[in-house]
Amino acid sequence: MAWRDLVQHNFWWKLTAIVLASLIWLTVDKGERGRNADKFGDATRRFERVPVQILTEPGFANSISITPKTVSFVARGQSGVLELLSTDDFTVYARINGRFDKTNGRSPVRVNTPDGVHVEEILPSEITFEKSIELGPKPHFGN
């Protein structure tokens, strides 16, 4: 039998079979991808009570007290990656410079994240700070 006869004999039945096989394959493949998306797709995770580090200018020696000392944040990334992360994998910080009068005692909180992960929400989104009073030695008046 010639190649031409192999293709043209019952051509419409063969074409119908190919179309149906393709539709079945696409349906099954889409279902498999949907199950894998649940396992490896985007997800969010909340990290609670993460300590805030303070970054100051070099030579800035004043003592500073901050409120709050910890924050919570929501991270987004692949669910498999988020499951493996702990609070130690993130750096939460606030920058404070020596110009207290321009910041009104407030500084935004920032989070450094691993690759493929980003922060959606930080609560609270800023810290308040004030200079602590440094007490020197008490003067001695006396007898």
N, C-alpha and C. Protein backbone atom coordinates (compact mmCIF):
# COMPACT_ATOMS: atom_id res chain seq x y z
N MET A 1 0.85 -1.17 0.00
CA MET A 1 0.00 0.00 0.00
C MET A 1 0.89 1.23 0.00
N ALA A 2 0.57 2.19 -0.82
CA ALA A 2 1.36 3.42 -0.94
C ALA A 2 1.08 4.34 0.24
N TRP A 3 2.00 5.24 0.52
CA TRP A 3 1.84 6.21 1.61
C TRP A 3 0.60 7.07 1.43
N ARG A 4 0.35 7.41 0.20
CA ARG A 4 -0.82 8.24 -0.09
C ARG A 4 -2.09 7.51 0.31
N ASP A 5 -2.17 6.23 0.03
CA ASP A 5 -3.35 5.44 0.39
C ASP A 5 -3.48 5.30 1.91
N LEU A 6 -2.35 5.21 2.62
CA LEU A 6 -2.39 5.11 4.09
C LEU A 6 -3.02 6.36 4.70
N VAL A 7 -2.73 7.51 4.14
CA VAL A 7 -3.26 8.77 4.67
C VAL A 7 -4.71 8.96 4.23
N GLN A 8 -5.01 8.71 2.96
CA GLN A 8 -6.33 9.05 2.42
C GLN A 8 -7.41 8.00 2.70
N HIS A 9 -7.04 6.77 2.98
CA HIS A 9 -8.05 5.74 3.25
C HIS A 9 -8.67 6.00 4.64
N ASN A 10 -9.98 6.18 4.68
CA ASN A 10 -10.71 6.53 5.91
C ASN A 10 -10.16 7.81 6.55
N PHE A 11 -9.89 8.77 5.71
CA PHE A 11 -9.26 10.03 6.16
C PHE A 11 -10.04 10.70 7.26
N TRP A 12 -11.37 10.81 7.16
CA TRP A 12 -12.17 11.53 8.15
C TRP A 12 -12.19 10.79 9.49
N TRP A 13 -12.17 9.47 9.48
CA TRP A 13 -12.09 8.71 10.73
C TRP A 13 -10.74 8.95 11.41
N LYS A 14 -9.70 8.96 10.63
CA LYS A 14 -8.36 9.19 11.19
C LYS A 14 -8.24 10.61 11.76
N LEU A 15 -8.77 11.58 11.03
CA LEU A 15 -8.73 12.98 11.51
C LEU A 15 -9.53 13.13 12.80
N THR A 16 -10.70 12.49 12.86
CA THR A 16 -11.53 12.54 14.07
C THR A 16 -10.80 11.90 15.25
N ALA A 17 -10.12 10.80 15.02
CA ALA A 17 -9.38 10.12 16.08
C ALA A 17 -8.24 11.00 16.60
N ILE A 18 -7.55 11.67 15.72
CA ILE A 18 -6.45 12.56 16.13
C ILE A 18 -6.98 13.74 16.94
N VAL A 19 -8.09 14.33 16.52
CA VAL A 19 -8.67 15.46 17.25
C VAL A 19 -9.13 15.01 18.64
N LEU A 20 -9.82 13.87 18.73
CA LEU A 20 -10.28 13.38 20.03
C LEU A 20 -9.10 13.03 20.95
N ALA A 21 -8.09 12.41 20.41
CA ALA A 21 -6.91 12.07 21.21
C ALA A 21 -6.23 13.35 21.74
N SER A 22 -6.15 14.37 20.91
CA SER A 22 -5.56 15.65 21.33
C SER A 22 -6.37 16.30 22.44
N LEU A 23 -7.70 16.29 22.31
CA LEU A 23 -8.56 16.88 23.34
C LEU A 23 -8.42 16.13 24.67
N ILE A 24 -8.36 14.80 24.62
CA ILE A 24 -8.20 14.01 25.84
C ILE A 24 -6.84 14.31 26.47
N TRP A 25 -5.80 14.37 25.67
CA TRP A 25 -4.47 14.65 26.20
C TRP A 25 -4.41 16.04 26.84
N LEU A 26 -4.98 17.04 26.20
CA LEU A 26 -4.99 18.40 26.75
C LEU A 26 -5.75 18.45 28.08
N THR A 27 -6.86 17.75 28.18
CA THR A 27 -7.65 17.73 29.40
C THR A 27 -6.87 17.09 30.55
N VAL A 28 -6.26 15.97 30.29
CA VAL A 28 -5.49 15.28 31.33
C VAL A 28 -4.29 16.12 31.74
N ASP A 29 -3.59 16.70 30.78
CA ASP A 29 -2.42 17.53 31.07
C ASP A 29 -2.79 18.76 31.89
N LYS A 30 -3.91 19.38 31.58
CA LYS A 30 -4.36 20.55 32.34
C LYS A 30 -4.67 20.16 33.79
N GLY A 31 -5.28 19.01 34.00
CA GLY A 31 -5.57 18.52 35.35
C GLY A 31 -4.30 18.28 36.14
N GLU A 32 -3.29 17.71 35.51
CA GLU A 32 -2.01 17.46 36.18
C GLU A 32 -1.34 18.78 36.55
N ARG A 33 -1.37 19.74 35.65
CA ARG A 33 -0.77 21.04 35.95
C ARG A 33 -1.50 21.73 37.09
N GLY A 34 -2.81 21.56 37.17
CA GLY A 34 -3.58 22.15 38.26
C GLY A 34 -3.18 21.57 39.61
N ARG A 35 -2.96 20.26 39.67
CA ARG A 35 -2.51 19.65 40.93
C ARG A 35 -1.12 20.11 41.31
N ASN A 36 -0.24 20.24 40.35
CA ASN A 36 1.12 20.72 40.64
C ASN A 36 1.12 22.19 41.03
N ALA A 37 0.19 22.97 40.49
CA ALA A 37 0.12 24.38 40.85
C ALA A 37 -0.22 24.54 42.32
N ASP A 38 -1.06 23.64 42.85
CA ASP A 38 -1.37 23.71 44.28
C ASP A 38 -0.13 23.45 45.11
N LYS A 39 0.71 22.57 44.64
CA LYS A 39 1.91 22.21 45.40
C LYS A 39 3.02 23.24 45.24
N PHE A 40 3.18 23.77 44.04
CA PHE A 40 4.30 24.66 43.76
C PHE A 40 3.86 26.06 43.35
N GLY A 41 2.58 26.38 43.41
CA GLY A 41 2.10 27.68 42.98
C GLY A 41 2.32 28.75 44.03
N ASP A 42 1.84 29.93 43.72
CA ASP A 42 1.96 31.06 44.64
C ASP A 42 1.15 30.83 45.90
N ALA A 43 1.71 31.23 47.01
CA ALA A 43 1.02 31.12 48.29
C ALA A 43 1.50 32.28 49.18
N THR A 44 0.80 32.49 50.27
CA THR A 44 1.22 33.48 51.25
C THR A 44 1.43 32.80 52.59
N ARG A 45 2.29 33.42 53.39
CA ARG A 45 2.53 32.91 54.74
C ARG A 45 2.82 34.09 55.65
N ARG A 46 2.25 34.03 56.85
CA ARG A 46 2.46 35.10 57.84
C ARG A 46 3.59 34.70 58.77
N PHE A 47 4.50 35.64 59.01
CA PHE A 47 5.59 35.48 59.96
C PHE A 47 5.33 36.43 61.11
N GLU A 48 5.29 35.91 62.31
CA GLU A 48 4.91 36.67 63.50
C GLU A 48 6.11 37.00 64.37
N ARG A 49 6.02 38.13 65.07
CA ARG A 49 6.98 38.55 66.10
C ARG A 49 8.44 38.45 65.64
N VAL A 50 8.72 39.10 64.52
CA VAL A 50 10.08 39.13 63.99
C VAL A 50 10.76 40.39 64.53
N PRO A 51 11.93 40.28 65.17
CA PRO A 51 12.57 41.45 65.76
C PRO A 51 13.03 42.45 64.69
N VAL A 52 12.90 43.73 65.03
CA VAL A 52 13.31 44.81 64.14
C VAL A 52 14.73 45.23 64.50
N GLN A 53 15.60 45.25 63.51
CA GLN A 53 16.97 45.74 63.71
C GLN A 53 17.00 47.22 63.35
N ILE A 54 17.84 47.96 64.03
CA ILE A 54 17.95 49.40 63.79
C ILE A 54 19.25 49.68 63.06
N LEU A 55 19.15 50.40 61.95
CA LEU A 55 20.32 50.85 61.20
C LEU A 55 20.48 52.34 61.43
N THR A 56 21.65 52.76 61.86
CA THR A 56 21.90 54.17 62.11
C THR A 56 23.11 54.62 61.31
N GLU A 57 23.31 55.92 61.27
CA GLU A 57 24.46 56.49 60.58
C GLU A 57 25.74 56.15 61.33
N PRO A 58 26.85 56.06 60.63
CA PRO A 58 28.12 55.82 61.33
C PRO A 58 28.39 56.95 62.32
N GLY A 59 28.85 56.59 63.48
CA GLY A 59 29.17 57.59 64.49
C GLY A 59 27.97 58.08 65.27
N PHE A 60 26.81 57.54 65.01
CA PHE A 60 25.61 57.96 65.71
C PHE A 60 25.55 57.17 67.01
N ALA A 61 25.93 57.81 68.09
CA ALA A 61 26.13 57.07 69.34
C ALA A 61 25.00 57.22 70.34
N ASN A 62 23.97 57.98 70.01
CA ASN A 62 22.88 58.16 70.97
C ASN A 62 22.12 56.86 71.18
N SER A 63 21.66 56.65 72.37
CA SER A 63 20.82 55.49 72.65
C SER A 63 19.41 55.78 72.16
N ILE A 64 18.79 54.78 71.59
CA ILE A 64 17.46 54.94 71.00
C ILE A 64 16.56 53.84 71.54
N SER A 65 15.34 54.20 71.90
CA SER A 65 14.35 53.18 72.24
C SER A 65 13.29 53.18 71.16
N ILE A 66 12.86 51.98 70.75
CA ILE A 66 11.89 51.87 69.66
C ILE A 66 10.64 51.15 70.16
N THR A 67 9.53 51.45 69.50
CA THR A 67 8.27 50.78 69.77
C THR A 67 7.60 50.54 68.42
N PRO A 68 7.16 49.37 68.10
CA PRO A 68 7.34 48.09 68.77
C PRO A 68 8.71 47.51 68.43
N LYS A 69 9.11 46.52 69.17
CA LYS A 69 10.40 45.87 68.95
C LYS A 69 10.29 44.71 67.96
N THR A 70 9.07 44.24 67.71
CA THR A 70 8.84 43.15 66.75
C THR A 70 7.69 43.53 65.83
N VAL A 71 7.67 42.95 64.64
CA VAL A 71 6.58 43.16 63.68
C VAL A 71 6.16 41.81 63.10
N SER A 72 5.03 41.81 62.41
CA SER A 72 4.56 40.65 61.66
C SER A 72 4.48 41.05 60.20
N PHE A 73 4.66 40.11 59.30
CA PHE A 73 4.52 40.43 57.88
C PHE A 73 4.01 39.21 57.12
N VAL A 74 3.44 39.49 55.94
CA VAL A 74 2.93 38.44 55.07
C VAL A 74 3.85 38.38 53.85
N ALA A 75 4.40 37.19 53.59
CA ALA A 75 5.29 36.99 52.45
C ALA A 75 4.56 36.17 51.39
N ARG A 76 4.86 36.46 50.11
CA ARG A 76 4.27 35.71 48.99
C ARG A 76 5.41 35.09 48.19
N GLY A 77 5.19 33.84 47.79
CA GLY A 77 6.15 33.13 46.96
C GLY A 77 5.62 31.74 46.67
N GLN A 78 6.47 30.90 46.10
CA GLN A 78 6.05 29.53 45.83
C GLN A 78 5.84 28.80 47.16
N SER A 79 4.77 28.05 47.23
CA SER A 79 4.41 27.42 48.51
C SER A 79 5.51 26.48 49.01
N GLY A 80 6.16 25.77 48.11
CA GLY A 80 7.24 24.88 48.53
C GLY A 80 8.40 25.63 49.15
N VAL A 81 8.68 26.83 48.63
CA VAL A 81 9.76 27.65 49.16
C VAL A 81 9.35 28.25 50.50
N LEU A 82 8.14 28.76 50.60
CA LEU A 82 7.67 29.38 51.84
C LEU A 82 7.66 28.41 53.01
N GLU A 83 7.33 27.15 52.73
CA GLU A 83 7.30 26.15 53.80
C GLU A 83 8.66 25.95 54.44
N LEU A 84 9.71 26.14 53.66
CA LEU A 84 11.07 25.90 54.16
C LEU A 84 11.67 27.09 54.89
N LEU A 85 11.04 28.27 54.79
CA LEU A 85 11.61 29.48 55.37
C LEU A 85 11.25 29.64 56.84
N SER A 86 12.15 30.28 57.58
CA SER A 86 11.88 30.65 58.97
C SER A 86 12.14 32.15 59.10
N THR A 87 11.88 32.70 60.26
CA THR A 87 12.09 34.14 60.46
C THR A 87 13.57 34.51 60.33
N ASP A 88 14.47 33.55 60.53
CA ASP A 88 15.90 33.82 60.39
C ASP A 88 16.31 34.10 58.94
N ASP A 89 15.47 33.72 57.98
CA ASP A 89 15.78 33.94 56.57
C ASP A 89 15.44 35.35 56.10
N PHE A 90 14.84 36.16 56.96
CA PHE A 90 14.45 37.52 56.63
C PHE A 90 15.21 38.50 57.51
N THR A 91 15.48 39.68 56.98
CA THR A 91 16.06 40.75 57.78
C THR A 91 15.04 41.88 57.83
N VAL A 92 14.56 42.17 59.03
CA VAL A 92 13.59 43.25 59.23
C VAL A 92 14.34 44.39 59.88
N TYR A 93 14.25 45.59 59.28
CA TYR A 93 15.03 46.70 59.80
C TYR A 93 14.31 48.03 59.60
N ALA A 94 14.78 49.01 60.35
CA ALA A 94 14.33 50.40 60.20
C ALA A 94 15.57 51.27 60.22
N ARG A 95 15.60 52.29 59.38
CA ARG A 95 16.74 53.21 59.32
C ARG A 95 16.42 54.44 60.15
N ILE A 96 17.37 54.83 60.96
CA ILE A 96 17.22 56.03 61.77
C ILE A 96 18.46 56.88 61.57
N ASN A 97 18.23 58.13 61.19
CA ASN A 97 19.38 59.02 61.05
C ASN A 97 19.40 60.00 62.21
N GLY A 98 20.38 60.86 62.25
CA GLY A 98 20.55 61.78 63.36
C GLY A 98 19.60 62.96 63.34
N ARG A 99 18.79 63.10 62.33
CA ARG A 99 17.88 64.25 62.21
C ARG A 99 16.50 63.88 62.74
N PHE A 100 16.39 63.82 64.03
CA PHE A 100 15.13 63.43 64.65
C PHE A 100 13.99 64.39 64.30
N ASP A 101 14.31 65.66 64.15
CA ASP A 101 13.26 66.65 63.91
C ASP A 101 12.59 66.45 62.54
N LYS A 102 13.27 65.88 61.56
CA LYS A 102 12.68 65.71 60.23
C LYS A 102 11.86 64.43 60.10
N THR A 103 12.08 63.46 60.96
CA THR A 103 11.35 62.19 60.85
C THR A 103 10.17 62.11 61.81
N ASN A 104 10.03 63.07 62.70
CA ASN A 104 8.95 63.07 63.69
C ASN A 104 8.95 61.81 64.55
N GLY A 105 10.11 61.22 64.75
CA GLY A 105 10.20 60.04 65.59
C GLY A 105 9.60 58.79 64.99
N ARG A 106 9.48 58.75 63.66
CA ARG A 106 8.92 57.58 62.98
C ARG A 106 9.86 57.14 61.87
N SER A 107 9.86 55.85 61.62
CA SER A 107 10.67 55.31 60.53
C SER A 107 9.96 54.10 59.93
N PRO A 108 9.91 53.99 58.59
CA PRO A 108 9.25 52.84 57.98
C PRO A 108 10.05 51.56 58.21
N VAL A 109 9.34 50.45 58.31
CA VAL A 109 9.97 49.14 58.48
C VAL A 109 10.15 48.52 57.10
N ARG A 110 11.31 47.94 56.88
CA ARG A 110 11.64 47.29 55.61
C ARG A 110 12.00 45.83 55.89
N VAL A 111 11.81 44.98 54.87
CA VAL A 111 12.14 43.57 55.01
C VAL A 111 12.97 43.13 53.80
N ASN A 112 14.15 42.57 54.05
CA ASN A 112 14.93 41.93 53.00
C ASN A 112 14.49 40.48 52.93
N THR A 113 14.20 40.00 51.71
CA THR A 113 13.66 38.66 51.53
C THR A 113 14.58 37.81 50.66
N PRO A 114 14.46 36.50 50.75
CA PRO A 114 15.19 35.62 49.84
C PRO A 114 14.66 35.78 48.40
N ASP A 115 15.42 35.31 47.43
CA ASP A 115 15.00 35.39 46.02
C ASP A 115 13.67 34.66 45.81
N GLY A 116 12.80 35.26 45.00
CA GLY A 116 11.52 34.64 44.68
C GLY A 116 10.43 34.88 45.70
N VAL A 117 10.74 35.62 46.76
CA VAL A 117 9.76 35.91 47.81
C VAL A 117 9.66 37.42 47.94
N HIS A 118 8.45 37.93 48.08
CA HIS A 118 8.28 39.36 48.34
C HIS A 118 7.25 39.57 49.44
N VAL A 119 7.32 40.72 50.07
CA VAL A 119 6.45 41.04 51.20
C VAL A 119 5.23 41.79 50.70
N GLU A 120 4.06 41.32 51.12
CA GLU A 120 2.81 41.99 50.75
C GLU A 120 2.35 42.99 51.80
N GLU A 121 2.61 42.68 53.07
CA GLU A 121 2.09 43.54 54.14
C GLU A 121 3.00 43.43 55.35
N ILE A 122 3.25 44.58 56.00
CA ILE A 122 4.02 44.62 57.24
C ILE A 122 3.15 45.29 58.29
N LEU A 123 3.01 44.65 59.45
CA LEU A 123 2.19 45.22 60.53
C LEU A 123 2.99 45.27 61.81
N PRO A 124 3.17 46.39 62.41
CA PRO A 124 2.91 47.73 61.90
C PRO A 124 3.94 48.10 60.84
N SER A 125 3.59 49.04 59.98
CA SER A 125 4.45 49.38 58.86
C SER A 125 5.55 50.37 59.23
N GLU A 126 5.49 50.91 60.43
CA GLU A 126 6.55 51.81 60.88
C GLU A 126 6.75 51.70 62.38
N ILE A 127 7.92 52.11 62.81
CA ILE A 127 8.22 52.11 64.23
C ILE A 127 8.30 53.55 64.70
N THR A 128 8.12 53.75 65.99
CA THR A 128 8.36 55.06 66.58
C THR A 128 9.60 54.92 67.45
N PHE A 129 10.35 56.00 67.53
CA PHE A 129 11.58 55.95 68.31
C PHE A 129 11.79 57.27 69.01
N GLU A 130 12.59 57.21 70.04
CA GLU A 130 12.96 58.43 70.76
C GLU A 130 14.34 58.22 71.37
N LYS A 131 15.00 59.34 71.57
CA LYS A 131 16.31 59.27 72.20
C LYS A 131 16.12 58.91 73.65
N SER A 132 16.91 57.96 74.10
CA SER A 132 16.90 57.63 75.52
C SER A 132 17.79 58.62 76.24
N ILE A 133 17.39 58.95 77.42
CA ILE A 133 18.18 59.90 78.21
C ILE A 133 19.32 59.13 78.85
N GLU A 134 20.51 59.58 78.56
CA GLU A 134 21.66 58.93 79.15
C GLU A 134 22.03 59.67 80.42
N LEU A 135 21.95 58.98 81.51
CA LEU A 135 22.26 59.59 82.79
C LEU A 135 23.73 59.39 83.09
N GLY A 136 24.39 60.46 83.38
CA GLY A 136 25.80 60.37 83.77
C GLY A 136 25.88 60.16 85.27
N PRO A 137 27.07 60.23 85.81
CA PRO A 137 27.19 60.06 87.26
C PRO A 137 26.50 61.21 87.99
N LYS A 138 25.86 60.89 89.10
CA LYS A 138 25.16 61.89 89.88
C LYS A 138 26.19 62.79 90.55
N PRO A 139 25.90 64.08 90.52
CA PRO A 139 26.84 64.99 91.22
C PRO A 139 26.77 64.75 92.72
N HIS A 140 27.89 64.91 93.34
CA HIS A 140 27.97 64.69 94.79
C HIS A 140 28.07 66.06 95.47
N PHE A 141 27.06 66.39 96.21
CA PHE A 141 27.09 67.64 96.97
C PHE A 141 27.34 67.27 98.40
N GLY A 142 28.28 67.82 98.91
CA GLY A 142 28.28 67.31 100.19
C GLY A 142 29.18 67.56 101.28
N ASN A 143 28.79 66.85 102.19
CA ASN A 143 29.51 66.83 103.44
C ASN A 143 30.51 65.73 103.41
